[in-house]
Protein backbone atom coordinates (compact mmCIF):
# COMPACT_ATOMS: atom_id res chain seq x y z
CA UNK A 1 0.00 0.00 0.00
CA UNK A 2 1.26 3.56 -0.62
CA UNK A 3 2.04 5.65 2.44
CA UNK A 4 -0.76 8.06 3.37
CA UNK A 5 -0.26 10.21 6.53
CA UNK A 6 -4.00 10.09 7.21
CA UNK A 7 -4.10 6.26 7.34
CA UNK A 8 -2.18 4.55 10.18
CA UNK A 9 0.46 2.17 8.84
CA UNK A 10 3.67 0.42 9.77
CA UNK A 11 6.60 -0.48 7.56
CA UNK A 12 8.37 -3.75 6.85
CA UNK A 13 10.78 -3.82 3.95
CA UNK A 14 9.78 -3.33 1.16
CA UNK A 15 6.47 -1.59 1.93
CA UNK A 16 3.73 -0.36 4.23
CA UNK A 17 1.04 -2.39 5.95
CA UNK A 18 -2.25 -1.10 7.40
CA UNK A 19 -2.71 -0.98 11.16
CA UNK A 20 -5.73 -2.21 13.08
CA UNK A 21 -5.44 -0.03 16.19
CA UNK A 22 -7.52 3.03 17.00
CA UNK A 23 -6.15 6.05 15.15
CA UNK A 24 -4.81 9.08 17.02
CA UNK A 25 -4.45 12.55 15.53
CA UNK A 26 -1.03 14.16 15.14
CA UNK A 27 -1.24 17.89 15.86
CA UNK A 28 0.97 20.63 14.38
CA UNK A 29 2.49 22.50 17.37
CA UNK A 30 2.62 25.72 15.36
CA UNK A 31 -0.95 25.81 14.03
CA UNK A 32 -2.72 23.15 16.16
CA UNK A 33 -4.05 21.67 12.92
CA UNK A 34 -4.26 17.94 12.27
CA UNK A 35 -1.24 16.67 10.34
CA UNK A 36 -2.23 13.00 10.06
CA UNK A 37 -3.09 9.91 12.07
CA UNK A 38 -1.09 7.18 13.70
CA UNK A 39 -1.92 4.09 15.77
CA UNK A 40 -0.21 1.91 18.36
CA UNK A 41 1.20 -1.33 17.02
CA UNK A 42 -0.61 -4.30 18.52
CA UNK A 43 0.75 -7.71 19.43
CA UNK A 44 -0.08 -9.18 16.03
CA UNK A 45 1.64 -6.34 14.16
CA UNK A 46 4.68 -6.59 16.43
CA UNK A 47 4.80 -10.35 15.87
CA UNK A 48 4.60 -10.00 12.10
CA UNK A 49 7.45 -7.47 12.14
CA UNK A 50 9.57 -9.72 14.35
CA UNK A 51 8.86 -12.68 12.07
CA UNK A 52 9.96 -10.75 9.01
CA UNK A 53 13.06 -9.11 10.52
CA UNK A 54 14.20 -12.30 12.24
CA UNK A 55 13.96 -14.33 9.04
CA UNK A 56 15.70 -11.65 6.99
CA UNK A 57 18.50 -11.28 9.54
CA UNK A 58 19.23 -15.01 9.45
CA UNK A 59 20.10 -14.63 5.77
CA UNK A 60 21.70 -11.17 6.05
CA UNK A 61 24.26 -12.30 8.63
CA UNK A 62 25.61 -14.82 6.12
CA UNK A 63 26.15 -12.21 3.40
CA UNK A 64 29.83 -11.51 2.80
CA UNK A 65 31.22 -8.16 3.88
CA UNK A 66 31.82 -6.87 0.36
CA UNK A 67 28.25 -7.59 -0.74
CA UNK A 68 26.83 -6.13 2.46
CA UNK A 69 28.86 -2.97 1.88
CA UNK A 70 27.56 -2.74 -1.69
CA UNK A 71 23.96 -2.93 -0.46
CA UNK A 72 24.57 -0.15 2.07
CA UNK A 73 26.25 2.03 -0.57
CA UNK A 74 23.19 1.51 -2.77
CA UNK A 75 21.02 2.61 0.13
CA UNK A 76 23.16 5.74 0.47
CA UNK A 77 22.67 6.39 -3.26
CA UNK A 78 18.92 6.14 -2.78
CA UNK A 79 18.99 8.61 0.10
CA UNK A 80 21.12 11.05 -1.89
CA UNK A 81 18.84 11.04 -4.93
CA UNK A 82 15.40 10.82 -3.28
CA UNK A 83 13.03 13.78 -2.96
CA UNK A 84 12.96 14.38 0.78
CA UNK A 85 10.67 17.41 0.75
CA UNK A 86 7.60 15.39 1.83
CA UNK A 87 9.45 13.96 4.85
CA UNK A 88 10.93 17.36 5.77
CA UNK A 89 7.54 19.06 5.55
CA UNK A 90 5.97 16.37 7.70
CA UNK A 91 8.77 16.72 10.24
CA UNK A 92 8.26 20.46 10.41
CA UNK A 93 4.52 20.06 10.79
CA UNK A 94 4.81 17.29 13.39
CA UNK A 95 7.28 18.89 15.79
CA UNK A 96 7.89 22.45 14.58
CA UNK A 97 11.41 22.17 13.20
CA UNK A 98 12.27 24.95 10.72
CA UNK A 99 12.19 23.50 7.21
CA UNK A 100 15.88 24.24 6.39
CA UNK A 101 16.88 22.20 9.44
CA UNK A 102 14.49 19.37 8.60
CA UNK A 103 15.68 19.00 5.02
CA UNK A 104 19.28 19.44 6.18
CA UNK A 105 18.92 16.67 8.75
CA UNK A 106 17.78 14.19 6.12
CA UNK A 107 20.47 15.30 3.67
CA UNK A 108 23.12 14.30 6.22
CA UNK A 109 21.97 10.67 6.46
CA UNK A 110 23.67 9.08 3.46
CA UNK A 111 27.31 9.40 4.63
CA UNK A 112 26.77 7.33 7.76
CA UNK A 113 25.74 4.30 5.67
CA UNK A 114 28.88 4.69 3.54
CA UNK A 115 31.07 5.04 6.62
CA UNK A 116 29.79 1.90 8.30
CA UNK A 117 29.72 -0.04 5.03
CA UNK A 118 33.49 0.35 4.85
CA UNK A 119 34.17 0.21 8.59
CA UNK A 120 32.50 -3.19 8.91
CA UNK A 121 34.36 -4.43 5.84
CA UNK A 122 37.70 -3.31 7.25
CA UNK A 123 37.25 -4.12 10.97
CA UNK A 124 36.22 -7.77 11.11
CA UNK A 125 38.43 -9.18 13.86
CA UNK A 126 41.87 -9.38 15.42
CA UNK A 127 44.68 -11.91 15.26
CA UNK A 128 46.47 -12.13 18.61
CA UNK A 129 49.97 -13.20 19.40
CA UNK A 130 49.69 -16.92 20.10
CA UNK A 131 49.99 -18.35 23.61
CA UNK A 132 51.00 -21.72 22.28
CA UNK A 133 53.16 -22.84 19.36
CA UNK A 134 51.23 -24.17 16.38
CA UNK A 135 47.97 -22.50 17.41
CA UNK A 136 46.11 -19.85 15.39
CA UNK A 137 44.29 -17.59 17.85
CA UNK A 138 42.00 -14.75 16.89
CA UNK A 139 38.77 -12.88 17.64
CA UNK A 140 35.97 -12.46 15.16
CA UNK A 141 32.93 -10.20 15.24
CA UNK A 142 29.42 -11.50 14.75
CA UNK A 143 26.02 -9.77 14.71
CA UNK A 144 23.77 -9.80 17.75
CA UNK A 145 20.54 -10.54 15.86
CA UNK A 146 17.65 -8.06 15.83
CA UNK A 147 18.22 -4.57 17.26
CA UNK A 148 15.53 -2.25 18.59
CA UNK A 149 15.92 1.48 17.92
CA UNK A 150 13.87 3.75 20.21
CA UNK A 151 14.05 7.21 18.71
CA UNK A 152 13.54 10.80 19.95
CA UNK A 153 11.45 13.52 18.30
CA UNK A 154 14.14 16.16 17.84
CA UNK A 155 16.30 14.42 15.18
CA UNK A 156 14.03 11.52 14.27
CA UNK A 157 15.66 10.53 10.98
CA UNK A 158 19.34 11.34 11.46
CA UNK A 159 19.71 9.69 14.86
CA UNK A 160 17.82 6.67 13.60
CA UNK A 161 20.26 6.36 10.71
CA UNK A 162 23.26 6.61 13.06
CA UNK A 163 22.38 3.39 14.85
CA UNK A 164 20.54 1.57 12.05
CA UNK A 165 23.54 2.00 9.73
CA UNK A 166 25.90 0.54 12.32
CA UNK A 167 23.54 -2.32 13.12
CA UNK A 168 22.95 -3.26 9.47
CA UNK A 169 26.66 -3.08 8.75
CA UNK A 170 27.29 -5.46 11.64
CA UNK A 171 24.84 -7.97 10.14
CA UNK A 172 21.73 -7.33 12.21
CA UNK A 173 18.11 -6.71 11.33
CA UNK A 174 16.46 -3.57 12.71
CA UNK A 175 13.13 -2.58 14.25
CA UNK A 176 12.64 1.16 14.58
CA UNK A 177 10.18 2.54 17.12
CA UNK A 178 9.87 6.23 16.26
CA UNK A 179 8.81 8.90 18.73
CA UNK A 180 5.02 9.20 18.55
CA UNK A 181 5.42 12.89 17.74
CA UNK A 182 7.52 12.23 14.62
CA UNK A 183 6.10 8.94 13.41
CA UNK A 184 4.81 10.32 10.10
CA UNK A 185 8.11 11.81 8.91
CA UNK A 186 9.96 8.67 9.97
CA UNK A 187 7.55 6.48 8.01
CA UNK A 188 7.87 8.74 4.98
CA UNK A 189 11.66 8.35 5.12
CA UNK A 190 11.39 4.57 5.41
CA UNK A 191 10.66 4.51 1.67
CA UNK A 192 14.44 4.76 1.23
CA UNK A 193 14.80 1.25 2.70
CA UNK A 194 12.55 -0.41 0.11
CA UNK A 195 15.41 -1.96 -1.86
CA UNK A 196 16.99 -3.69 1.13
CA UNK A 197 16.45 -7.44 1.47
CA UNK A 198 12.82 -8.22 2.21
CA UNK A 199 11.96 -7.93 5.89
CA UNK A 200 15.35 -6.61 7.05
CA UNK A 201 14.08 -3.30 8.48
CA UNK A 202 10.75 -2.52 10.14
CA UNK A 203 9.22 0.63 11.60
CA UNK A 204 6.56 0.09 14.28
CA UNK A 205 4.62 3.12 15.59
CA UNK A 206 3.87 3.15 19.27
CA UNK A 207 4.71 4.54 22.68
CA UNK A 208 6.41 3.38 25.87
CA UNK A 209 4.34 0.21 26.12
CA UNK A 210 5.51 -0.97 22.70
CA UNK A 211 9.12 -0.12 23.58
CA UNK A 212 8.84 -2.24 26.73
CA UNK A 213 7.49 -5.20 24.77
CA UNK A 214 10.20 -4.94 22.13
CA UNK A 215 12.96 -4.81 24.75
CA UNK A 216 11.51 -7.72 26.69
CA UNK A 217 10.94 -9.93 23.64
CA UNK A 218 13.19 -12.96 23.37
CA UNK A 219 13.35 -12.26 19.64
CA UNK A 220 15.29 -8.99 19.97
CA UNK A 221 18.92 -8.83 21.02
CA UNK A 222 20.13 -5.22 21.38
CA UNK A 223 18.71 -1.78 22.13
CA UNK A 224 19.58 1.73 20.98
CA UNK A 225 17.84 4.60 22.77
CA UNK A 226 17.94 8.39 22.63
CA UNK A 227 15.80 10.47 24.97
CA UNK A 228 15.48 11.79 28.50
CA UNK A 229 17.48 10.64 31.50
CA UNK A 230 14.40 9.16 33.20
CA UNK A 231 13.40 7.18 30.11
CA UNK A 232 17.03 6.17 29.53
CA UNK A 233 17.25 4.70 33.02
CA UNK A 234 14.05 2.73 32.43
CA UNK A 235 15.36 1.41 29.12
CA UNK A 236 18.71 0.52 30.68
CA UNK A 237 17.07 -1.43 33.50
CA UNK A 238 14.73 -3.24 31.09
CA UNK A 239 17.61 -4.18 28.81
CA UNK A 240 19.71 -5.35 31.74
CA UNK A 241 16.84 -7.50 32.99
CA UNK A 242 16.77 -9.16 29.57
CA UNK A 243 20.60 -9.39 29.44
CA UNK A 244 20.76 -7.29 26.29
CA UNK A 245 23.38 -4.67 25.43
CA UNK A 246 22.03 -1.13 25.22
CA UNK A 247 23.38 2.12 23.84
CA UNK A 248 21.73 4.94 25.79
CA UNK A 249 22.11 8.59 24.79
CA UNK A 250 20.24 10.44 27.53
CA UNK A 251 19.73 14.13 28.18
CA UNK A 252 22.11 16.88 29.06
CA UNK A 253 22.42 20.35 30.48
CA UNK A 254 25.53 21.35 28.64
CA UNK A 255 27.81 24.09 29.92
CA UNK A 256 29.45 26.74 27.76
CA UNK A 257 32.46 28.66 29.05
CA UNK A 258 33.29 32.09 27.63
CA UNK A 259 36.87 33.05 28.54
CA UNK A 260 38.47 36.46 28.78
CA UNK A 261 40.46 35.84 25.59
CA UNK A 262 37.42 34.82 23.51
CA UNK A 263 36.50 36.94 20.47
CA UNK A 264 33.11 38.08 21.70
CA UNK A 265 31.51 38.39 18.27
CA UNK A 266 32.32 34.74 17.57
CA UNK A 267 31.35 33.61 21.07
CA UNK A 268 28.03 35.44 20.92
CA UNK A 269 27.16 34.03 17.49
CA UNK A 270 28.16 30.54 18.62
CA UNK A 271 26.10 30.86 21.78
CA UNK A 272 23.00 31.86 19.81
CA UNK A 273 23.19 28.68 17.75
CA UNK A 274 24.27 26.43 20.61
CA UNK A 275 21.53 27.65 22.96
CA UNK A 276 18.63 28.20 20.58
CA UNK A 277 19.07 25.70 17.74
CA UNK A 278 15.78 23.82 17.30
CA UNK A 279 14.29 26.06 20.02
CA UNK A 280 16.76 24.57 22.47
CA UNK A 281 15.34 21.07 21.97
CA UNK A 282 18.75 19.49 21.40
CA UNK A 283 20.42 17.17 23.92
CA UNK A 284 23.68 19.08 23.43
CA UNK A 285 22.14 22.56 23.68
CA UNK A 286 24.24 25.01 25.69
CA UNK A 287 21.95 25.64 28.67
CA UNK A 288 24.43 26.85 31.32
CA UNK A 289 26.74 29.68 30.21
CA UNK A 290 29.67 30.44 32.52
CA UNK A 291 31.11 33.82 31.50
CA UNK A 292 34.30 35.20 33.01
CA UNK A 293 33.69 38.44 34.92
CA UNK A 294 36.06 40.52 32.80
CA UNK A 295 33.93 40.03 29.65
CA UNK A 296 30.53 39.19 31.17
CA UNK A 297 28.71 42.43 30.43
CA UNK A 298 30.11 42.87 26.93
CA UNK A 299 29.32 39.25 26.04
CA UNK A 300 25.76 39.45 27.35
CA UNK A 301 25.18 42.62 25.33
CA UNK A 302 26.48 41.01 22.11
CA UNK A 303 24.62 37.76 22.83
CA UNK A 304 21.34 39.60 23.40
CA UNK A 305 21.76 41.73 20.29
CA UNK A 306 22.16 38.66 18.07
CA UNK A 307 19.35 36.80 19.85
CA UNK A 308 16.87 39.61 19.16
CA UNK A 309 17.40 39.13 15.41
CA UNK A 310 15.98 35.60 15.51
CA UNK A 311 12.56 35.16 13.91
CA UNK A 312 9.94 33.21 15.83
CA UNK A 313 7.26 31.47 13.82
CA UNK A 314 5.98 28.47 11.89
CA UNK A 315 8.80 26.21 10.77
CA UNK A 316 7.46 26.28 7.22
CA UNK A 317 7.81 30.06 7.14
CA UNK A 318 10.96 32.19 7.36
CA UNK A 319 11.88 31.58 10.98
CA UNK A 320 14.76 30.27 13.05
CA UNK A 321 12.75 29.59 16.21
CA UNK A 322 9.81 27.25 15.77
CA UNK A 323 7.35 26.13 18.42
CA UNK A 324 8.16 23.77 21.24
CA UNK A 325 6.97 20.25 20.60
CA UNK A 326 3.92 20.43 22.89
CA UNK A 327 1.99 22.56 25.34
CA UNK A 328 3.45 20.56 28.22
CA UNK A 329 6.98 21.25 26.96
CA UNK A 330 6.31 24.98 26.78
CA UNK A 331 4.70 25.01 30.23
CA UNK A 332 7.77 23.30 31.68
CA UNK A 333 10.13 25.85 30.11
CA UNK A 334 8.00 28.75 31.37
CA UNK A 335 7.95 27.27 34.88
CA UNK A 336 11.75 26.98 34.96
CA UNK A 337 12.10 30.59 33.85
CA UNK A 338 9.59 31.77 36.48
CA UNK A 339 11.44 29.84 39.19
CA UNK A 340 14.74 31.44 38.18
CA UNK A 341 13.23 34.94 38.19
CA UNK A 342 11.70 34.34 41.60
CA UNK A 343 15.17 33.42 42.90
CA UNK A 344 16.86 36.53 41.54
CA UNK A 345 17.58 35.97 37.84
CA UNK A 346 17.07 38.92 35.48
CA UNK A 347 15.55 38.70 32.01
CA UNK A 348 17.78 40.28 29.37
CA UNK A 349 15.55 39.31 26.47
CA UNK A 350 12.64 36.94 25.96
CA UNK A 351 11.12 35.23 28.96
CA UNK A 352 7.62 35.14 27.54
CA UNK A 353 5.25 33.78 24.92
CA UNK A 354 5.60 35.95 21.79
CA UNK A 355 2.76 38.50 21.82
CA UNK A 356 2.14 38.02 18.10
CA UNK A 357 1.91 34.21 18.37
CA UNK A 358 -1.47 33.51 19.96
CA UNK A 359 -1.69 30.03 18.45
CA UNK A 360 0.77 27.18 18.91
CA UNK A 361 3.38 26.42 21.54
CA UNK A 362 5.92 29.22 20.98
CA UNK A 363 8.34 30.72 23.49
CA UNK A 364 10.77 33.55 22.85
CA UNK A 365 14.51 32.81 22.92
CA UNK A 366 15.44 33.86 26.43
CA UNK A 367 18.61 35.06 28.14
CA UNK A 368 18.74 35.18 31.94
CA UNK A 369 21.59 36.67 33.96
CA UNK A 370 22.35 36.43 37.66
CA UNK A 371 21.67 32.70 37.60
CA UNK A 372 22.71 30.58 40.59
CA UNK A 373 23.01 26.90 41.39
CA UNK A 374 19.89 26.85 43.57
CA UNK A 375 17.72 27.51 40.51
CA UNK A 376 16.02 24.48 38.96
CA UNK A 377 17.13 25.78 35.57
CA UNK A 378 20.74 24.88 36.40
CA UNK A 379 19.93 21.50 37.93
CA UNK A 380 17.72 19.98 35.24
CA UNK A 381 17.49 19.72 31.48
CA UNK A 382 15.44 22.67 30.23
CA UNK A 383 15.10 21.49 26.62
CA UNK A 384 13.84 24.90 25.53
CA UNK A 385 15.14 28.22 24.18
CA UNK A 386 16.62 29.47 27.46
CA UNK A 387 20.24 30.40 28.22
CA UNK A 388 21.14 30.73 31.90
CA UNK A 389 24.19 33.01 32.26
CA UNK A 390 26.40 32.68 35.35
CA UNK A 391 29.11 35.23 36.12
CA UNK A 392 32.36 33.51 37.22
CA UNK A 393 35.72 34.74 38.46
CA UNK A 394 37.96 33.00 35.96
CA UNK A 395 38.45 29.92 33.82
CA UNK A 396 39.13 27.61 36.78
CA UNK A 397 35.94 28.75 38.50
CA UNK A 398 34.02 28.11 35.28
CA UNK A 399 35.36 24.56 34.92
CA UNK A 400 34.54 23.71 38.52
CA UNK A 401 30.96 24.98 38.16
CA UNK A 402 30.51 23.32 34.78
CA UNK A 403 31.50 19.96 36.28
CA UNK A 404 29.22 20.32 39.30
CA UNK A 405 26.29 18.73 37.49
CA UNK A 406 24.76 15.26 37.25
CA UNK A 407 24.92 15.59 33.46
CA UNK A 408 27.95 15.03 31.27
CA UNK A 409 26.95 14.98 27.62
CA UNK A 410 28.86 17.84 25.97
CA UNK A 411 30.63 21.07 26.90
CA UNK A 412 31.68 24.13 24.88
CA UNK A 413 34.47 26.65 25.39
CA UNK A 414 35.31 29.89 23.60
CA UNK A 415 38.94 30.94 24.03
CA UNK A 416 42.07 31.88 22.10
CA UNK A 417 44.32 30.76 24.95
CA UNK A 418 45.94 27.45 24.03
CA UNK A 419 46.37 26.45 27.67
CA UNK A 420 42.65 26.94 28.31
CA UNK A 421 41.75 25.02 25.17
CA UNK A 422 43.91 22.05 26.11
CA UNK A 423 42.83 22.15 29.77
CA UNK A 424 39.19 22.13 28.66
CA UNK A 425 39.67 18.87 26.81
CA UNK A 426 41.34 17.31 29.85
CA UNK A 427 39.31 18.71 32.74
CA UNK A 428 35.70 18.97 31.61
CA UNK A 429 33.55 16.02 32.72
CA UNK A 430 31.76 15.41 29.43
CA UNK A 431 31.72 12.88 26.66
CA UNK A 432 32.33 15.61 24.08
CA UNK A 433 34.17 18.94 24.24
CA UNK A 434 33.96 21.67 21.62
CA UNK A 435 36.40 24.57 21.52
CA UNK A 436 35.19 27.56 19.47
CA UNK A 437 32.80 25.42 17.39
CA UNK A 438 29.88 23.89 19.33
CA UNK A 439 27.50 21.07 18.35
CA UNK A 440 29.71 19.53 15.64
CA UNK A 441 29.77 15.75 15.23
CA UNK A 442 31.88 13.40 13.13
CA UNK A 443 30.84 9.98 11.80
CA UNK A 444 34.28 8.62 12.71
CA UNK A 445 34.29 9.83 16.35
CA UNK A 446 32.22 8.48 19.27
CA UNK A 447 29.12 10.43 20.29
CA UNK A 448 27.73 10.08 23.81
CA UNK A 449 27.83 11.25 27.39
CA UNK A 450 29.22 10.63 30.85
CA UNK A 451 27.43 10.37 34.18
CA UNK A 452 23.62 10.57 33.87
CA UNK A 453 23.88 11.49 30.20
CA UNK A 454 24.27 7.98 28.88
CA UNK A 455 26.01 4.66 28.40
CA UNK A 456 27.83 3.41 25.32
CA UNK A 457 28.55 5.34 22.17
CA UNK A 458 27.07 6.05 18.77
CA UNK A 459 29.25 6.71 15.71
CA UNK A 460 32.87 5.73 15.21
CA UNK A 461 34.29 2.29 15.83
CA UNK A 462 32.51 2.09 19.18
CA UNK A 463 29.20 2.72 17.44
CA UNK A 464 29.77 -0.36 15.28
CA UNK A 465 30.95 -2.53 18.18
CA UNK A 466 27.72 -1.74 20.04
CA UNK A 467 25.86 -3.97 17.57
CA UNK A 468 28.17 -6.96 17.36
CA UNK A 469 29.68 -9.51 19.71
CA UNK A 470 33.10 -11.08 19.78
CA UNK A 471 33.99 -14.73 19.51
CA UNK A 472 37.42 -16.05 20.46
CA UNK A 473 38.62 -18.78 18.12
CA UNK A 474 41.55 -21.16 18.73
CA UNK A 475 42.60 -23.40 15.81
CA UNK A 476 45.42 -25.89 16.08
CA UNK A 477 45.88 -27.03 12.51
CA UNK A 478 48.21 -29.86 13.54
CA UNK A 479 46.46 -31.80 16.32
CA UNK A 480 48.83 -32.91 19.07
CA UNK A 481 48.39 -34.10 22.64
CA UNK A 482 49.20 -31.15 24.92
CA UNK A 483 51.37 -31.69 27.99
CA UNK A 484 48.85 -30.01 30.30
CA UNK A 485 45.93 -32.32 29.41
CA UNK A 486 44.64 -35.00 31.77
CA UNK A 487 45.96 -37.20 33.25
CA UNK A 488 48.65 -35.24 35.10
CA UNK A 489 52.07 -36.84 35.56
CA UNK A 490 52.65 -38.24 39.03
CA UNK A 491 55.55 -35.90 39.68
CA UNK A 492 53.21 -32.89 39.42
CA UNK A 493 51.62 -33.87 42.74
CA UNK A 494 52.67 -33.53 46.37
CA UNK A 495 53.44 -36.47 48.61
CA UNK A 496 51.59 -36.95 51.90
CA UNK A 497 53.95 -34.56 53.67
CA UNK A 498 53.36 -31.67 51.25
CA UNK A 499 56.60 -32.16 49.36
CA UNK A 500 56.80 -32.08 45.57
CA UNK A 501 57.40 -35.42 43.91
CA UNK A 502 58.88 -33.78 40.81
């Protein structure tokens, strides 16, 4: 059947299948209009997807590395040449993302399939120095089986491709459970997987209950999750109970340090993007800004000036700041701002619902100064367009305050002092550190957090290893009786008095 956003469906390579569950409307957070309809996958639909993916994976794991790489390169070709405007428009209408960011997200998906196609072909095992003459001893990598991918709403397609590409390259089959908010755009993108072997990839719409069933199923073997800390802990415990490996990229409250030597025009422009990209709904958003006293006032002035140029509006119009994903999300952001103001923070700009946006879940990009550690804004993940600025004495004070957090996803620093740049990389408690260029990722480098911000890594070699298991192999090509095998020689034992007989 062709994909129709108004008719609930799920996907199993090569096409879509109708769903039997009660439909639920998907609402545009900018206009509050109905975008389409989705349904929760039932037990029968889940079983049919598991049947198909399990059978396909049994054949896929036997495909040689060169052929598997060719298939993934063909998939990348399909992604590069497809018309992604329908998926980007749906993404913007589902969760408010500005259209340039939605189309840009999808455009960045093809390279990850090429990277893992070659990585898996090149990294297939290790030959170790032998522990015994005449013995060939090595480790080989094998797929886990069927992986479950539980996706967030903020980058529904790109983050899905990060882990699906690694899992497919490792020889697994994949079941994607998209975020309910971005199910339609994810399903639209699944068309790119049509030419993969039949049944190899499935996309099952549903919520937390479906995720729990997929993790608990004896027919799945690994889990990839991106989302909040609370949900990440639940996923981690469920996976552990089922003895399954899990890659968990949880939330963050990333610090940004602005040093005395920083070029303030660059730092201010970088802060605008790092704090307000996707209305602050990015796990690696800069939420806590520690600005050295000597440049605090000048930086805040430049930061506010650039922030006021941002356009707030529908993601399909000319705007940088779209709506928050839901009314509940906006209410939470507003409550954090109100708490900070009540405890002494000052609003430099923003701090309110835009007066000209009386429909949808918009909130102005907001800068607060005078922020302190007793404010909830500095202790939790805001996930909204709010930058909390803290005045600090110096670089060392900034690092200490940045590290005093349960989160440890990323951290940004603006400086032209080489010592500060190098110290940042060594001293900041985060899985990723950016100096003068926040939010950048690299297919070949591991992405993930420390502390409450996650377990395991996506991307890079570690991202591939997350979806495969090792097997130690010992081959003695010339069978001989080893001197340590049973029975032991008599002179290896002790006599009755504890003396060696040898």
